[in-house]
Amino acid sequence: MSKGKNTNLRLNLSDILVTIVIALVFGLVFRLLGPVYDLVKPFGLHLDALLYGIWFIAAPFAALLIRKPGVAFLAETAAALAEMLFAGSGGVINLYYGLLQGAFSEAVFAAWRYKKFSLGIASLSAFAALIASIILDAGYAYLPLLAGWNLILYLVFRVIGSVLFSGLFPYALVKGLEKTGVTQSLRPVTKEDYNVLK
């Protein structure tokens, strides 16, 4: 298991501001993708379920980038709040989703004590957020109304979308940022820090 050398796990003002900026960016992305999600629904084939995975990206991306407790929860919650403020179609319900998805995503990084930030952990974080969304969907959405085979197909597509958009993509993005040195102003990156992403 690769471990980080980040001994200071306290959030500072810079960490919080960067997390909020990340949340605002993804909140806008969520808002812009809302109509696209609604547009692909009528085509069937569960294309909407594949796209759904993007709504979990804020938490793993922020956690992989900053690597401190609370960042995943803050990013996902703030992104959901931003989507709501940008007049997203879900309204205040978006905030409920953000809170629970952020908490579930955060729990994965906490389970490894914020010392492992691999592709597997990022994907588990996305999967945890997916579980949170399903819990809420059971009450708010139409999932319980789907036939068994259709529900299974929908969930399989949602898992694939989650791992691709909120596991693989943020992992690759952060790894790319580490290589370019863009993150040096956020936190000094040593070779050992970079290896944590392996």
N, C-alpha and C. Protein backbone atom coordinates (compact mmCIF):
# COMPACT_ATOMS: atom_id res chain seq x y z
N MET A 1 0.84 -1.19 0.00
CA MET A 1 0.00 0.00 0.00
C MET A 1 0.88 1.25 0.00
N SER A 2 0.69 2.12 -0.98
CA SER A 2 1.43 3.35 -1.01
C SER A 2 0.84 4.33 -0.03
N LYS A 3 1.72 4.98 0.70
CA LYS A 3 1.23 5.92 1.71
C LYS A 3 1.79 7.30 1.45
N GLY A 4 0.97 8.31 1.76
CA GLY A 4 1.40 9.69 1.61
C GLY A 4 2.20 10.12 2.81
N LYS A 5 2.93 11.22 2.65
CA LYS A 5 3.76 11.73 3.73
C LYS A 5 3.15 13.00 4.28
N ASN A 6 1.86 13.19 4.04
CA ASN A 6 1.18 14.39 4.48
C ASN A 6 0.83 14.27 5.96
N THR A 7 1.69 14.88 6.80
CA THR A 7 1.47 14.77 8.24
C THR A 7 0.48 15.80 8.75
N ASN A 8 0.34 16.90 8.01
CA ASN A 8 -0.61 17.93 8.41
C ASN A 8 -1.93 17.70 7.70
N LEU A 9 -2.87 17.09 8.41
CA LEU A 9 -4.16 16.76 7.80
C LEU A 9 -5.23 17.79 8.12
N ARG A 10 -4.84 18.91 8.69
CA ARG A 10 -5.81 19.95 9.00
C ARG A 10 -6.09 20.81 7.77
N LEU A 11 -7.37 21.11 7.57
CA LEU A 11 -7.72 22.00 6.48
C LEU A 11 -7.33 23.43 6.83
N ASN A 12 -6.68 24.12 5.90
CA ASN A 12 -6.42 25.54 6.09
C ASN A 12 -7.30 26.34 5.14
N LEU A 13 -7.21 27.65 5.21
CA LEU A 13 -8.06 28.51 4.39
C LEU A 13 -7.86 28.26 2.91
N SER A 14 -6.61 28.04 2.51
CA SER A 14 -6.31 27.77 1.10
C SER A 14 -7.00 26.49 0.63
N ASP A 15 -6.95 25.45 1.45
CA ASP A 15 -7.61 24.18 1.10
C ASP A 15 -9.11 24.39 0.90
N ILE A 16 -9.71 25.14 1.81
CA ILE A 16 -11.16 25.37 1.75
C ILE A 16 -11.53 26.17 0.52
N LEU A 17 -10.74 27.21 0.22
CA LEU A 17 -11.03 28.05 -0.95
C LEU A 17 -10.89 27.26 -2.24
N VAL A 18 -9.84 26.45 -2.33
CA VAL A 18 -9.65 25.62 -3.53
C VAL A 18 -10.80 24.63 -3.67
N THR A 19 -11.21 24.05 -2.56
CA THR A 19 -12.33 23.09 -2.59
C THR A 19 -13.61 23.77 -3.05
N ILE A 20 -13.85 24.99 -2.59
CA ILE A 20 -15.05 25.72 -3.00
C ILE A 20 -15.00 26.06 -4.49
N VAL A 21 -13.83 26.44 -4.98
CA VAL A 21 -13.68 26.73 -6.42
C VAL A 21 -13.97 25.47 -7.23
N ILE A 22 -13.41 24.33 -6.79
CA ILE A 22 -13.67 23.05 -7.45
C ILE A 22 -15.18 22.77 -7.46
N ALA A 23 -15.81 23.00 -6.32
CA ALA A 23 -17.25 22.75 -6.19
C ALA A 23 -18.05 23.64 -7.13
N LEU A 24 -17.66 24.90 -7.24
CA LEU A 24 -18.37 25.83 -8.12
C LEU A 24 -18.25 25.40 -9.58
N VAL A 25 -17.05 24.98 -9.96
CA VAL A 25 -16.84 24.53 -11.34
C VAL A 25 -17.70 23.31 -11.64
N PHE A 26 -17.66 22.33 -10.74
CA PHE A 26 -18.44 21.12 -10.98
C PHE A 26 -19.94 21.38 -10.82
N GLY A 27 -20.30 22.31 -9.95
CA GLY A 27 -21.71 22.68 -9.82
C GLY A 27 -22.25 23.23 -11.13
N LEU A 28 -21.43 24.03 -11.81
CA LEU A 28 -21.82 24.57 -13.12
C LEU A 28 -21.88 23.45 -14.16
N VAL A 29 -20.91 22.54 -14.10
CA VAL A 29 -20.92 21.39 -15.01
C VAL A 29 -22.20 20.57 -14.81
N PHE A 30 -22.55 20.32 -13.53
CA PHE A 30 -23.77 19.57 -13.22
C PHE A 30 -24.99 20.28 -13.82
N ARG A 31 -25.02 21.61 -13.64
CA ARG A 31 -26.17 22.39 -14.14
C ARG A 31 -26.28 22.30 -15.66
N LEU A 32 -25.13 22.39 -16.35
CA LEU A 32 -25.14 22.34 -17.80
C LEU A 32 -25.46 20.95 -18.34
N LEU A 33 -25.09 19.92 -17.57
CA LEU A 33 -25.36 18.55 -18.00
C LEU A 33 -26.79 18.10 -17.70
N GLY A 34 -27.47 18.82 -16.82
CA GLY A 34 -28.84 18.47 -16.47
C GLY A 34 -29.74 18.31 -17.69
N PRO A 35 -29.79 19.32 -18.59
CA PRO A 35 -30.63 19.18 -19.79
C PRO A 35 -30.18 18.05 -20.71
N VAL A 36 -28.86 17.79 -20.76
CA VAL A 36 -28.35 16.70 -21.59
C VAL A 36 -28.85 15.37 -21.03
N TYR A 37 -28.79 15.24 -19.70
CA TYR A 37 -29.28 14.04 -19.03
C TYR A 37 -30.76 13.82 -19.35
N ASP A 38 -31.55 14.89 -19.28
CA ASP A 38 -32.98 14.80 -19.58
C ASP A 38 -33.22 14.47 -21.05
N LEU A 39 -32.34 14.97 -21.90
CA LEU A 39 -32.48 14.76 -23.34
C LEU A 39 -32.26 13.31 -23.75
N VAL A 40 -31.29 12.64 -23.11
CA VAL A 40 -30.97 11.26 -23.52
C VAL A 40 -31.91 10.23 -22.90
N LYS A 41 -32.67 10.62 -21.88
CA LYS A 41 -33.58 9.69 -21.22
C LYS A 41 -34.55 9.00 -22.18
N PRO A 42 -35.22 9.75 -23.06
CA PRO A 42 -36.23 9.12 -23.92
C PRO A 42 -35.65 8.11 -24.92
N PHE A 43 -34.34 8.15 -25.16
CA PHE A 43 -33.75 7.25 -26.13
C PHE A 43 -33.61 5.82 -25.61
N GLY A 44 -33.84 5.63 -24.32
CA GLY A 44 -33.71 4.30 -23.74
C GLY A 44 -32.25 3.89 -23.62
N LEU A 45 -32.01 2.60 -23.58
CA LEU A 45 -30.66 2.04 -23.48
C LEU A 45 -29.92 2.51 -22.23
N HIS A 46 -30.59 3.22 -21.35
CA HIS A 46 -30.01 3.71 -20.10
C HIS A 46 -28.78 4.58 -20.31
N LEU A 47 -28.80 5.39 -21.37
CA LEU A 47 -27.72 6.34 -21.59
C LEU A 47 -27.66 7.36 -20.45
N ASP A 48 -28.82 7.66 -19.88
CA ASP A 48 -28.87 8.59 -18.75
C ASP A 48 -28.15 8.00 -17.54
N ALA A 49 -28.24 6.69 -17.37
CA ALA A 49 -27.58 6.03 -16.23
C ALA A 49 -26.06 6.10 -16.37
N LEU A 50 -25.57 5.98 -17.60
CA LEU A 50 -24.13 6.13 -17.84
C LEU A 50 -23.67 7.54 -17.49
N LEU A 51 -24.44 8.52 -17.93
CA LEU A 51 -24.09 9.92 -17.70
C LEU A 51 -24.19 10.31 -16.22
N TYR A 52 -25.05 9.62 -15.48
CA TYR A 52 -25.29 9.94 -14.07
C TYR A 52 -24.01 9.94 -13.25
N GLY A 53 -23.04 9.12 -13.65
CA GLY A 53 -21.80 9.00 -12.91
C GLY A 53 -21.02 10.29 -12.74
N ILE A 54 -21.23 11.24 -13.64
CA ILE A 54 -20.49 12.51 -13.55
C ILE A 54 -20.86 13.29 -12.29
N TRP A 55 -22.06 13.04 -11.73
CA TRP A 55 -22.51 13.80 -10.57
C TRP A 55 -21.77 13.43 -9.27
N PHE A 56 -20.87 12.45 -9.34
CA PHE A 56 -20.11 12.07 -8.16
C PHE A 56 -18.67 12.56 -8.20
N ILE A 57 -18.30 13.31 -9.22
CA ILE A 57 -16.89 13.62 -9.49
C ILE A 57 -16.26 14.61 -8.51
N ALA A 58 -17.02 15.53 -7.98
CA ALA A 58 -16.43 16.59 -7.14
C ALA A 58 -15.68 16.02 -5.94
N ALA A 59 -16.28 15.04 -5.27
CA ALA A 59 -15.67 14.49 -4.05
C ALA A 59 -14.33 13.79 -4.31
N PRO A 60 -14.27 12.81 -5.22
CA PRO A 60 -12.98 12.16 -5.44
C PRO A 60 -11.92 13.09 -6.03
N PHE A 61 -12.33 13.99 -6.91
CA PHE A 61 -11.34 14.91 -7.50
C PHE A 61 -10.71 15.78 -6.42
N ALA A 62 -11.53 16.39 -5.57
CA ALA A 62 -11.01 17.26 -4.51
C ALA A 62 -10.16 16.47 -3.53
N ALA A 63 -10.60 15.26 -3.18
CA ALA A 63 -9.85 14.44 -2.22
C ALA A 63 -8.51 14.01 -2.78
N LEU A 64 -8.48 13.63 -4.06
CA LEU A 64 -7.22 13.24 -4.69
C LEU A 64 -6.26 14.42 -4.78
N LEU A 65 -6.81 15.60 -4.98
CA LEU A 65 -5.98 16.78 -5.16
C LEU A 65 -5.43 17.31 -3.84
N ILE A 66 -6.30 17.40 -2.82
CA ILE A 66 -5.91 18.05 -1.56
C ILE A 66 -5.49 17.05 -0.49
N ARG A 67 -6.10 15.89 -0.48
CA ARG A 67 -5.71 14.78 0.41
C ARG A 67 -5.81 15.12 1.90
N LYS A 68 -6.93 15.67 2.28
CA LYS A 68 -7.16 15.98 3.69
C LYS A 68 -8.59 15.61 4.08
N PRO A 69 -8.79 15.33 5.36
CA PRO A 69 -10.14 14.96 5.84
C PRO A 69 -11.15 16.08 5.60
N GLY A 70 -12.33 15.68 5.20
CA GLY A 70 -13.44 16.62 5.02
C GLY A 70 -13.56 17.20 3.64
N VAL A 71 -12.51 17.08 2.83
CA VAL A 71 -12.50 17.70 1.51
C VAL A 71 -13.54 17.07 0.58
N ALA A 72 -13.63 15.75 0.56
CA ALA A 72 -14.59 15.07 -0.32
C ALA A 72 -16.01 15.48 0.04
N PHE A 73 -16.32 15.47 1.32
CA PHE A 73 -17.66 15.84 1.77
C PHE A 73 -17.97 17.29 1.42
N LEU A 74 -17.03 18.19 1.71
CA LEU A 74 -17.23 19.61 1.43
C LEU A 74 -17.42 19.86 -0.06
N ALA A 75 -16.58 19.24 -0.89
CA ALA A 75 -16.65 19.46 -2.34
C ALA A 75 -17.97 18.99 -2.93
N GLU A 76 -18.39 17.78 -2.56
CA GLU A 76 -19.63 17.23 -3.13
C GLU A 76 -20.86 18.01 -2.66
N THR A 77 -20.85 18.39 -1.39
CA THR A 77 -21.98 19.15 -0.85
C THR A 77 -22.05 20.53 -1.47
N ALA A 78 -20.89 21.19 -1.54
CA ALA A 78 -20.86 22.54 -2.12
C ALA A 78 -21.19 22.53 -3.61
N ALA A 79 -20.77 21.48 -4.32
CA ALA A 79 -21.09 21.36 -5.75
C ALA A 79 -22.60 21.20 -5.94
N ALA A 80 -23.22 20.40 -5.08
CA ALA A 80 -24.68 20.23 -5.15
C ALA A 80 -25.39 21.54 -4.83
N LEU A 81 -24.87 22.28 -3.85
CA LEU A 81 -25.45 23.57 -3.49
C LEU A 81 -25.29 24.55 -4.65
N ALA A 82 -24.11 24.53 -5.29
CA ALA A 82 -23.87 25.41 -6.43
C ALA A 82 -24.83 25.07 -7.57
N GLU A 83 -25.03 23.77 -7.83
CA GLU A 83 -25.98 23.37 -8.88
C GLU A 83 -27.37 23.90 -8.56
N MET A 84 -27.75 23.82 -7.31
CA MET A 84 -29.06 24.33 -6.89
C MET A 84 -29.15 25.84 -7.10
N LEU A 85 -28.08 26.56 -6.74
CA LEU A 85 -28.07 28.01 -6.91
C LEU A 85 -28.03 28.42 -8.38
N PHE A 86 -27.47 27.54 -9.22
CA PHE A 86 -27.47 27.79 -10.67
C PHE A 86 -28.79 27.38 -11.31
N ALA A 87 -29.79 27.13 -10.48
CA ALA A 87 -31.14 26.76 -10.93
C ALA A 87 -31.17 25.39 -11.59
N GLY A 88 -30.49 24.42 -10.99
CA GLY A 88 -30.55 23.05 -11.48
C GLY A 88 -31.95 22.49 -11.33
N SER A 89 -32.27 21.50 -12.15
CA SER A 89 -33.64 20.99 -12.20
C SER A 89 -34.09 20.31 -10.92
N GLY A 90 -33.15 19.81 -10.11
CA GLY A 90 -33.54 19.08 -8.91
C GLY A 90 -33.94 19.96 -7.74
N GLY A 91 -33.57 21.23 -7.77
CA GLY A 91 -33.89 22.13 -6.66
C GLY A 91 -33.17 21.73 -5.38
N VAL A 92 -33.83 21.89 -4.26
CA VAL A 92 -33.21 21.62 -2.96
C VAL A 92 -32.86 20.15 -2.77
N ILE A 93 -33.52 19.28 -3.52
CA ILE A 93 -33.21 17.84 -3.43
C ILE A 93 -31.76 17.58 -3.81
N ASN A 94 -31.22 18.41 -4.72
CA ASN A 94 -29.81 18.27 -5.10
C ASN A 94 -28.90 18.34 -3.87
N LEU A 95 -29.26 19.21 -2.94
CA LEU A 95 -28.45 19.38 -1.74
C LEU A 95 -28.48 18.11 -0.89
N TYR A 96 -29.63 17.48 -0.79
CA TYR A 96 -29.72 16.22 -0.03
C TYR A 96 -28.81 15.16 -0.65
N TYR A 97 -28.83 15.09 -1.98
CA TYR A 97 -27.97 14.14 -2.67
C TYR A 97 -26.50 14.46 -2.41
N GLY A 98 -26.15 15.74 -2.51
CA GLY A 98 -24.76 16.14 -2.30
C GLY A 98 -24.28 15.80 -0.91
N LEU A 99 -25.11 16.04 0.09
CA LEU A 99 -24.73 15.74 1.48
C LEU A 99 -24.45 14.25 1.68
N LEU A 100 -25.37 13.41 1.20
CA LEU A 100 -25.21 11.97 1.41
C LEU A 100 -24.09 11.39 0.54
N GLN A 101 -24.03 11.82 -0.72
CA GLN A 101 -22.97 11.34 -1.61
C GLN A 101 -21.60 11.77 -1.10
N GLY A 102 -21.51 13.00 -0.61
CA GLY A 102 -20.25 13.49 -0.06
C GLY A 102 -19.82 12.70 1.17
N ALA A 103 -20.78 12.39 2.04
CA ALA A 103 -20.48 11.63 3.26
C ALA A 103 -20.00 10.22 2.91
N PHE A 104 -20.66 9.56 1.97
CA PHE A 104 -20.28 8.19 1.58
C PHE A 104 -18.91 8.19 0.90
N SER A 105 -18.69 9.18 0.03
CA SER A 105 -17.41 9.28 -0.66
C SER A 105 -16.28 9.54 0.33
N GLU A 106 -16.52 10.44 1.25
CA GLU A 106 -15.53 10.78 2.29
C GLU A 106 -15.17 9.54 3.12
N ALA A 107 -16.15 8.71 3.41
CA ALA A 107 -15.94 7.53 4.25
C ALA A 107 -14.91 6.58 3.66
N VAL A 108 -14.82 6.52 2.32
CA VAL A 108 -13.85 5.64 1.68
C VAL A 108 -12.42 6.13 1.95
N PHE A 109 -12.19 7.42 1.77
CA PHE A 109 -10.85 7.97 2.04
C PHE A 109 -10.52 7.86 3.53
N ALA A 110 -11.52 8.06 4.37
CA ALA A 110 -11.31 7.94 5.82
C ALA A 110 -10.94 6.52 6.21
N ALA A 111 -11.52 5.53 5.52
CA ALA A 111 -11.24 4.13 5.83
C ALA A 111 -9.77 3.80 5.62
N TRP A 112 -9.11 4.50 4.72
CA TRP A 112 -7.68 4.32 4.49
C TRP A 112 -6.87 5.42 5.18
N ARG A 113 -7.51 6.14 6.09
CA ARG A 113 -6.87 7.18 6.91
C ARG A 113 -6.17 8.25 6.08
N TYR A 114 -6.71 8.52 4.90
CA TYR A 114 -6.19 9.57 4.02
C TYR A 114 -4.72 9.33 3.67
N LYS A 115 -4.36 8.05 3.49
CA LYS A 115 -2.98 7.69 3.15
C LYS A 115 -2.87 6.98 1.80
N LYS A 116 -3.99 6.67 1.19
CA LYS A 116 -3.96 5.97 -0.10
C LYS A 116 -4.90 6.68 -1.06
N PHE A 117 -4.39 7.02 -2.24
CA PHE A 117 -5.15 7.79 -3.21
C PHE A 117 -4.98 7.19 -4.60
N SER A 118 -5.20 5.89 -4.70
CA SER A 118 -5.03 5.15 -5.95
C SER A 118 -6.30 5.22 -6.81
N LEU A 119 -6.19 4.66 -8.00
CA LEU A 119 -7.36 4.56 -8.88
C LEU A 119 -8.44 3.72 -8.22
N GLY A 120 -8.04 2.66 -7.52
CA GLY A 120 -9.01 1.81 -6.84
C GLY A 120 -9.77 2.56 -5.77
N ILE A 121 -9.08 3.39 -5.00
CA ILE A 121 -9.73 4.16 -3.94
C ILE A 121 -10.66 5.21 -4.55
N ALA A 122 -10.21 5.86 -5.62
CA ALA A 122 -11.05 6.84 -6.30
C ALA A 122 -12.33 6.18 -6.82
N SER A 123 -12.17 4.98 -7.38
CA SER A 123 -13.33 4.25 -7.91
C SER A 123 -14.26 3.80 -6.80
N LEU A 124 -13.69 3.36 -5.67
CA LEU A 124 -14.51 2.99 -4.51
C LEU A 124 -15.27 4.20 -3.98
N SER A 125 -14.62 5.34 -3.99
CA SER A 125 -15.26 6.58 -3.55
C SER A 125 -16.46 6.91 -4.43
N ALA A 126 -16.27 6.76 -5.74
CA ALA A 126 -17.37 7.00 -6.69
C ALA A 126 -18.49 5.99 -6.47
N PHE A 127 -18.11 4.73 -6.23
CA PHE A 127 -19.09 3.68 -6.00
C PHE A 127 -19.88 3.95 -4.72
N ALA A 128 -19.20 4.44 -3.69
CA ALA A 128 -19.87 4.76 -2.43
C ALA A 128 -20.89 5.88 -2.64
N ALA A 129 -20.52 6.88 -3.43
CA ALA A 129 -21.45 7.97 -3.74
C ALA A 129 -22.65 7.43 -4.52
N LEU A 130 -22.38 6.47 -5.40
CA LEU A 130 -23.46 5.82 -6.16
C LEU A 130 -24.44 5.13 -5.21
N ILE A 131 -23.93 4.43 -4.21
CA ILE A 131 -24.80 3.77 -3.23
C ILE A 131 -25.68 4.81 -2.52
N ALA A 132 -25.07 5.94 -2.16
CA ALA A 132 -25.83 7.01 -1.51
C ALA A 132 -26.95 7.51 -2.41
N SER A 133 -26.65 7.66 -3.70
CA SER A 133 -27.67 8.14 -4.64
C SER A 133 -28.81 7.15 -4.79
N ILE A 134 -28.48 5.85 -4.75
CA ILE A 134 -29.52 4.82 -4.89
C ILE A 134 -30.43 4.82 -3.66
N ILE A 135 -29.84 5.04 -2.49
CA ILE A 135 -30.64 5.12 -1.27
C ILE A 135 -31.69 6.22 -1.39
N LEU A 136 -31.24 7.39 -1.88
CA LEU A 136 -32.18 8.50 -2.04
C LEU A 136 -33.14 8.26 -3.20
N ASP A 137 -32.63 7.66 -4.28
CA ASP A 137 -33.49 7.38 -5.43
C ASP A 137 -34.64 6.45 -5.07
N ALA A 138 -34.38 5.56 -4.12
CA ALA A 138 -35.43 4.63 -3.70
C ALA A 138 -36.64 5.38 -3.16
N GLY A 139 -36.39 6.56 -2.61
CA GLY A 139 -37.50 7.34 -2.08
C GLY A 139 -37.99 8.42 -3.02
N TYR A 140 -37.07 9.04 -3.77
CA TYR A 140 -37.44 10.18 -4.60
C TYR A 140 -37.69 9.84 -6.07
N ALA A 141 -37.07 8.78 -6.56
CA ALA A 141 -37.11 8.51 -8.00
C ALA A 141 -37.96 7.30 -8.34
N TYR A 142 -37.88 6.91 -9.59
CA TYR A 142 -38.73 5.84 -10.12
C TYR A 142 -38.07 4.47 -10.06
N LEU A 143 -36.87 4.36 -9.49
CA LEU A 143 -36.16 3.08 -9.51
C LEU A 143 -36.99 1.91 -8.99
N PRO A 144 -37.73 2.07 -7.89
CA PRO A 144 -38.52 0.92 -7.40
C PRO A 144 -39.61 0.47 -8.37
N LEU A 145 -39.95 1.33 -9.35
CA LEU A 145 -41.01 1.00 -10.30
C LEU A 145 -40.50 0.19 -11.50
N LEU A 146 -39.17 0.11 -11.67
CA LEU A 146 -38.62 -0.60 -12.81
C LEU A 146 -38.74 -2.11 -12.64
N ALA A 147 -38.93 -2.80 -13.75
CA ALA A 147 -38.94 -4.27 -13.73
C ALA A 147 -37.55 -4.75 -13.33
N GLY A 148 -37.47 -5.96 -12.76
CA GLY A 148 -36.21 -6.48 -12.24
C GLY A 148 -35.05 -6.42 -13.22
N TRP A 149 -35.25 -6.95 -14.44
CA TRP A 149 -34.17 -6.97 -15.44
C TRP A 149 -33.77 -5.57 -15.83
N ASN A 150 -34.77 -4.66 -15.92
CA ASN A 150 -34.50 -3.28 -16.32
C ASN A 150 -33.75 -2.54 -15.22
N LEU A 151 -34.09 -2.82 -13.98
CA LEU A 151 -33.40 -2.21 -12.85
C LEU A 151 -31.95 -2.65 -12.79
N ILE A 152 -31.71 -3.95 -13.01
CA ILE A 152 -30.34 -4.47 -13.00
C ILE A 152 -29.51 -3.81 -14.10
N LEU A 153 -30.09 -3.72 -15.30
CA LEU A 153 -29.40 -3.09 -16.42
C LEU A 153 -29.08 -1.63 -16.10
N TYR A 154 -30.05 -0.95 -15.52
CA TYR A 154 -29.87 0.46 -15.16
C TYR A 154 -28.72 0.61 -14.15
N LEU A 155 -28.70 -0.24 -13.14
CA LEU A 155 -27.68 -0.16 -12.09
C LEU A 155 -26.29 -0.49 -12.64
N VAL A 156 -26.22 -1.48 -13.53
CA VAL A 156 -24.94 -1.84 -14.15
C VAL A 156 -24.38 -0.65 -14.93
N PHE A 157 -25.24 0.00 -15.70
CA PHE A 157 -24.80 1.16 -16.47
C PHE A 157 -24.40 2.31 -15.56
N ARG A 158 -25.11 2.46 -14.45
CA ARG A 158 -24.78 3.54 -13.52
C ARG A 158 -23.43 3.28 -12.85
N VAL A 159 -23.16 2.03 -12.53
CA VAL A 159 -21.86 1.68 -11.94
C VAL A 159 -20.74 1.96 -12.94
N ILE A 160 -20.93 1.56 -14.19
CA ILE A 160 -19.93 1.81 -15.22
C ILE A 160 -19.68 3.31 -15.38
N GLY A 161 -20.75 4.08 -15.46
CA GLY A 161 -20.61 5.53 -15.59
C GLY A 161 -19.92 6.16 -14.39
N SER A 162 -20.22 5.66 -13.21
CA SER A 162 -19.61 6.20 -11.99
C SER A 162 -18.11 5.95 -11.96
N VAL A 163 -17.72 4.73 -12.27
CA VAL A 163 -16.29 4.39 -12.25
C VAL A 163 -15.53 5.16 -13.33
N LEU A 164 -16.14 5.30 -14.51
CA LEU A 164 -15.47 6.02 -15.59
C LEU A 164 -15.36 7.52 -15.30
N PHE A 165 -16.49 8.15 -14.99
CA PHE A 165 -16.53 9.60 -14.85
C PHE A 165 -16.03 10.11 -13.50
N SER A 166 -16.22 9.34 -12.44
CA SER A 166 -15.87 9.83 -11.11
C SER A 166 -14.79 9.00 -10.41
N GLY A 167 -14.27 8.01 -11.11
CA GLY A 167 -13.15 7.24 -10.59
C GLY A 167 -11.94 7.44 -11.49
N LEU A 168 -12.03 6.94 -12.71
CA LEU A 168 -10.92 7.01 -13.66
C LEU A 168 -10.60 8.45 -14.08
N PHE A 169 -11.62 9.22 -14.43
CA PHE A 169 -11.38 10.57 -14.96
C PHE A 169 -10.72 11.50 -13.93
N PRO A 170 -11.24 11.63 -12.70
CA PRO A 170 -10.55 12.51 -11.75
C PRO A 170 -9.15 12.01 -11.38
N TYR A 171 -8.98 10.69 -11.32
CA TYR A 171 -7.66 10.12 -11.04
C TYR A 171 -6.66 10.54 -12.13
N ALA A 172 -7.06 10.36 -13.40
CA ALA A 172 -6.18 10.72 -14.52
C ALA A 172 -5.93 12.22 -14.56
N LEU A 173 -6.96 13.00 -14.24
CA LEU A 173 -6.82 14.46 -14.26
C LEU A 173 -5.84 14.93 -13.19
N VAL A 174 -5.96 14.41 -11.98
CA VAL A 174 -5.05 14.80 -10.90
C VAL A 174 -3.63 14.33 -11.19
N LYS A 175 -3.50 13.13 -11.72
CA LYS A 175 -2.17 12.60 -12.06
C LYS A 175 -1.52 13.49 -13.11
N GLY A 176 -2.31 13.94 -14.07
CA GLY A 176 -1.80 14.85 -15.10
C GLY A 176 -1.37 16.18 -14.51
N LEU A 177 -2.17 16.70 -13.58
CA LEU A 177 -1.83 17.97 -12.93
C LEU A 177 -0.55 17.83 -12.11
N GLU A 178 -0.37 16.68 -11.47
CA GLU A 178 0.85 16.45 -10.70
C GLU A 178 2.07 16.49 -11.61
N LYS A 179 1.96 15.88 -12.79
CA LYS A 179 3.09 15.83 -13.72
C LYS A 179 3.47 17.22 -14.22
N THR A 180 2.48 18.07 -14.43
CA THR A 180 2.78 19.41 -14.95
C THR A 180 3.28 20.35 -13.87
N GLY A 181 3.09 19.98 -12.61
CA GLY A 181 3.53 20.84 -11.52
C GLY A 181 2.55 21.93 -11.16
N VAL A 182 1.36 21.91 -11.76
CA VAL A 182 0.34 22.92 -11.49
C VAL A 182 -0.05 22.95 -10.02
N THR A 183 0.01 21.80 -9.37
CA THR A 183 -0.44 21.72 -7.98
C THR A 183 0.62 22.17 -6.97
N GLN A 184 1.79 22.57 -7.44
CA GLN A 184 2.86 22.98 -6.52
C GLN A 184 2.43 24.13 -5.62
N SER A 185 1.62 25.03 -6.16
CA SER A 185 1.18 26.17 -5.33
C SER A 185 0.18 25.74 -4.26
N LEU A 186 -0.50 24.63 -4.52
CA LEU A 186 -1.47 24.12 -3.55
C LEU A 186 -0.78 23.33 -2.45
N ARG A 187 0.11 22.46 -2.86
CA ARG A 187 0.89 21.68 -1.90
C ARG A 187 2.15 21.21 -2.60
N PRO A 188 3.30 21.29 -1.95
CA PRO A 188 4.53 20.79 -2.57
C PRO A 188 4.40 19.30 -2.84
N VAL A 189 4.79 18.90 -4.02
CA VAL A 189 4.66 17.49 -4.42
C VAL A 189 6.04 16.85 -4.50
N THR A 190 6.24 15.84 -3.67
CA THR A 190 7.47 15.07 -3.73
C THR A 190 7.23 13.83 -4.57
N LYS A 191 8.30 13.11 -4.87
CA LYS A 191 8.14 11.86 -5.62
C LYS A 191 7.25 10.88 -4.85
N GLU A 192 7.40 10.87 -3.54
CA GLU A 192 6.59 9.96 -2.72
C GLU A 192 5.11 10.35 -2.78
N ASP A 193 4.85 11.66 -2.77
CA ASP A 193 3.46 12.12 -2.90
C ASP A 193 2.87 11.66 -4.22
N TYR A 194 3.64 11.81 -5.30
CA TYR A 194 3.18 11.40 -6.62
C TYR A 194 2.91 9.89 -6.65
N ASN A 195 3.77 9.13 -6.00
CA ASN A 195 3.61 7.68 -5.97
C ASN A 195 2.35 7.22 -5.26
N VAL A 196 1.79 8.07 -4.40
CA VAL A 196 0.55 7.74 -3.70
C VAL A 196 -0.57 7.50 -4.70
N LEU A 197 -0.49 8.13 -5.85
CA LEU A 197 -1.52 7.98 -6.87
C LEU A 197 -1.38 6.67 -7.64
N LYS A 198 -0.30 5.93 -7.41
CA LYS A 198 -0.12 4.68 -8.15
C LYS A 198 -0.95 3.56 -7.57
